[in-house]
Structures are given as C-alpha cells and as structure tokens.
Amino acid sequence: MNKPLAQPRSAYRHFLPITTRWMDNDVYGHVNNVVYYSYFDTVVNEYLIRTGVLDVEQGATIGLVVETQCNYFAPLVFPERIEAGLRVARLGTSSVRYEIGLFKEGADEAAAQGHFVHVYVDRATRRPAALPEALRAALAPLVVEERS
C-alpha cells in the first residue's frame, strides 16, 4: 500500500481557521486522531451552512457519512491554530466526496489530509435523494479533478 503524499495548500479551494483546544491533545502531547474527523466535519458543515444549503433543523435532505479516511504526515498540537482546506473531488447524483487538508497556520504542506463521503437522503425516509440544485451550485466552486 502506497501512502499518499501530503498535498499543498494550493490544492484546496476554501479555508477555515480552527483553533485547537486543550482537550484536543491526548496523553502523547498531540491532537488525538479522532479529533481530526471533527475538524473535517467542521469545515464541511461550516461551508454548507454559510452558503445557505444546509438547514440542520428542517432541510428536506441531509448528508450521512458513509466513508471516511485520513492520512497523517505531521503532528498538530494545542495551542496551534490550524487551517482546514476543503475541496470536492466527486459530485455524484446523490453523493459528494469531500477532501480536506489540515495545515499548521501558514504552512504550505498538509499535516493531515483525508476525505469523507456524504450520501444525501430524504430527512424523513432516509432514502437516497438527488442533490438539490442549490447544493450543486454551492459546491461547484470547490470541485477539482478527481485524483487517483
């Protein structure tokens, strides 16, 4: 299995500054691996809410995570500030593959990067639903060519 290379900042289309918290560190003195997924979720949902395409209380469709993955290249620690980069690698009929890079503030190379896939479903039935046009339009600026 070949480990992917850390991507540069220029590979991402949207950034969100995130301040690490004391509780993010583990006993080994660095941000615990499970917290990285929280950062992933934060940058995606911040973007969706800010662009007006995610109504967490009453939206007709919701995104359910069906796949996640992360590669770690360098530790992040409290009290560092990080910058979460976001791009969309695949925009399907009812799913989106979001890719995220986590950068130490000002760094050009990702300390960690990964992805998660949302399958969009009807809120009531939980059955897959086509991506709403407003969501497609909001995600269009984030789309990059698929990487192998």
Protein backbone atom coordinates (compact mmCIF):
# COMPACT_ATOMS: atom_id res chain seq x y z
CA MET A 1 0.00 0.00 0.00
CA ASN A 2 1.44 3.35 -1.04
CA LYS A 3 0.86 6.23 1.32
CA PRO A 4 -0.30 9.36 -0.48
CA LEU A 5 1.87 12.46 -0.50
CA ALA A 6 0.88 15.50 1.52
CA GLN A 7 -0.94 17.97 -0.72
CA PRO A 8 -0.03 21.66 -0.92
CA ARG A 9 -2.33 24.44 0.18
CA SER A 10 -2.95 25.34 -3.47
CA ALA A 11 -4.84 22.04 -3.95
CA TYR A 12 -7.76 23.32 -1.83
CA ARG A 13 -10.45 25.86 -2.70
CA HIS A 14 -11.85 27.01 0.68
CA PHE A 15 -10.18 27.51 4.06
CA LEU A 16 -11.47 27.75 7.61
CA PRO A 17 -9.21 28.72 10.55
CA ILE A 18 -9.69 26.39 13.52
CA THR A 19 -8.16 26.93 16.95
CA THR A 20 -7.11 23.74 18.68
CA ARG A 21 -8.39 23.22 22.20
CA TRP A 22 -6.66 21.87 25.30
CA MET A 23 -8.96 18.84 25.24
CA ASP A 24 -7.89 18.00 21.66
CA ASN A 25 -4.46 16.83 22.86
CA ASP A 26 -4.02 13.29 24.06
CA VAL A 27 -1.64 11.85 26.63
CA TYR A 28 1.12 11.77 23.98
CA GLY A 29 1.06 15.56 23.61
CA HIS A 30 -0.53 15.91 20.19
CA VAL A 31 -4.05 16.19 18.79
CA ASN A 32 -5.70 12.78 19.05
CA ASN A 33 -6.55 11.07 15.76
CA VAL A 34 -10.32 11.10 16.37
CA VAL A 35 -10.31 14.91 16.65
CA TYR A 36 -9.13 15.24 13.04
CA TYR A 37 -12.51 13.90 11.91
CA SER A 38 -14.20 16.59 13.99
CA TYR A 39 -12.15 19.20 12.12
CA PHE A 40 -13.21 17.60 8.81
CA ASP A 41 -16.85 17.78 9.83
CA THR A 42 -16.43 21.38 10.98
CA VAL A 43 -15.01 22.73 7.71
CA VAL A 44 -17.61 20.94 5.56
CA ASN A 45 -20.62 21.90 7.65
CA GLU A 46 -19.42 25.49 8.15
CA TYR A 47 -19.21 25.86 4.38
CA LEU A 48 -22.64 24.32 3.79
CA ILE A 49 -24.30 26.44 6.47
CA ARG A 50 -22.52 29.65 5.42
CA THR A 51 -23.56 29.17 1.79
CA GLY A 52 -27.17 28.58 2.86
CA VAL A 53 -27.54 24.99 1.63
CA LEU A 54 -27.69 23.17 4.96
CA ASP A 55 -30.65 23.68 7.26
CA VAL A 56 -29.77 21.40 10.17
CA GLU A 57 -33.24 21.60 11.70
CA GLN A 58 -35.68 21.46 8.79
CA GLY A 59 -33.89 20.81 5.49
CA ALA A 60 -35.59 18.24 3.25
CA THR A 61 -32.30 16.44 2.59
CA ILE A 62 -29.41 15.64 4.90
CA GLY A 63 -25.95 14.22 4.28
CA LEU A 64 -25.00 10.98 6.00
CA VAL A 65 -21.34 9.99 6.20
CA VAL A 66 -20.78 6.58 4.60
CA GLU A 67 -16.98 6.59 4.27
CA THR A 68 -14.05 8.30 5.96
CA GLN A 69 -10.28 8.14 5.72
CA CYS A 70 -7.31 10.15 6.98
CA ASN A 71 -3.55 10.17 6.45
CA TYR A 72 -1.26 11.83 8.98
CA PHE A 73 2.02 13.48 8.00
CA ALA A 74 2.97 15.74 10.92
CA PRO A 75 1.52 16.21 14.40
CA LEU A 76 -0.81 19.06 15.31
CA VAL A 77 -0.80 20.24 18.93
CA PHE A 78 -2.60 22.62 21.26
CA PRO A 79 -2.30 25.64 21.24
CA GLU A 80 -1.68 25.74 17.49
CA ARG A 81 -4.04 27.37 15.08
CA ILE A 82 -4.78 25.27 12.04
CA GLU A 83 -6.33 25.99 8.67
CA ALA A 84 -8.68 23.41 7.21
CA GLY A 85 -8.70 23.32 3.42
CA LEU A 86 -11.71 21.95 1.55
CA ARG A 87 -12.32 20.71 -1.97
CA VAL A 88 -14.85 18.43 -3.69
CA ALA A 89 -13.36 15.52 -5.61
CA ARG A 90 -16.63 13.98 -6.81
CA LEU A 91 -20.12 15.34 -7.20
CA GLY A 92 -22.46 12.43 -7.89
CA THR A 93 -26.21 12.05 -8.26
CA SER A 94 -26.83 11.68 -4.53
CA SER A 95 -23.33 11.74 -3.04
CA VAL A 96 -20.36 14.05 -2.57
CA ARG A 97 -16.74 13.19 -1.84
CA TYR A 98 -15.26 15.98 0.26
CA GLU A 99 -11.48 16.14 0.63
CA ILE A 100 -9.89 18.02 3.49
CA GLY A 101 -6.33 19.11 4.24
CA LEU A 102 -5.31 20.28 7.71
CA PHE A 103 -2.45 22.76 7.75
CA LYS A 104 -0.50 24.30 10.59
CA GLU A 105 -1.22 28.02 10.35
CA GLY A 106 0.72 29.41 7.38
CA ALA A 107 2.20 26.05 6.32
CA ASP A 108 2.14 25.09 2.65
CA GLU A 109 2.04 21.30 3.13
CA ALA A 110 -0.80 19.43 4.83
CA ALA A 111 -0.12 17.95 8.27
CA ALA A 112 -3.03 15.59 7.61
CA GLN A 113 -5.46 15.02 4.80
CA GLY A 114 -8.40 12.82 4.18
CA HIS A 115 -11.89 12.58 2.88
CA PHE A 116 -15.42 11.67 3.69
CA VAL A 117 -18.36 10.83 1.52
CA HIS A 118 -21.83 12.15 2.21
CA VAL A 119 -24.81 10.34 0.72
CA TYR A 120 -27.71 12.76 0.68
CA VAL A 121 -31.00 11.30 1.81
CA ASP A 122 -34.56 12.39 2.41
CA ARG A 123 -34.75 13.54 6.04
CA ALA A 124 -37.94 11.56 6.76
CA THR A 125 -37.38 8.32 4.83
CA ARG A 126 -33.57 8.16 4.93
CA ARG A 127 -33.66 7.01 1.30
CA PRO A 128 -31.08 8.45 -1.14
CA ALA A 129 -32.18 11.70 -2.76
CA ALA A 130 -30.80 13.67 -5.69
CA LEU A 131 -28.52 16.53 -4.69
CA PRO A 132 -30.57 19.72 -4.62
CA GLU A 133 -29.60 22.24 -7.33
CA ALA A 134 -28.73 24.85 -4.68
CA LEU A 135 -26.26 22.39 -3.13
CA ARG A 136 -24.70 21.61 -6.52
CA ALA A 137 -24.32 25.33 -7.20
CA ALA A 138 -22.71 25.95 -3.79
CA LEU A 139 -20.26 23.07 -4.25
CA ALA A 140 -19.32 23.88 -7.87
CA PRO A 141 -16.53 26.33 -6.87
CA LEU A 142 -14.91 23.60 -4.75
CA VAL A 143 -14.78 20.90 -7.44
CA VAL A 144 -11.35 19.72 -8.54
CA GLU A 145 -10.41 16.97 -10.96
CA GLU A 146 -10.65 13.51 -9.45
CA ARG A 147 -7.33 12.20 -8.15
CA SER A 148 -6.30 8.59 -8.40
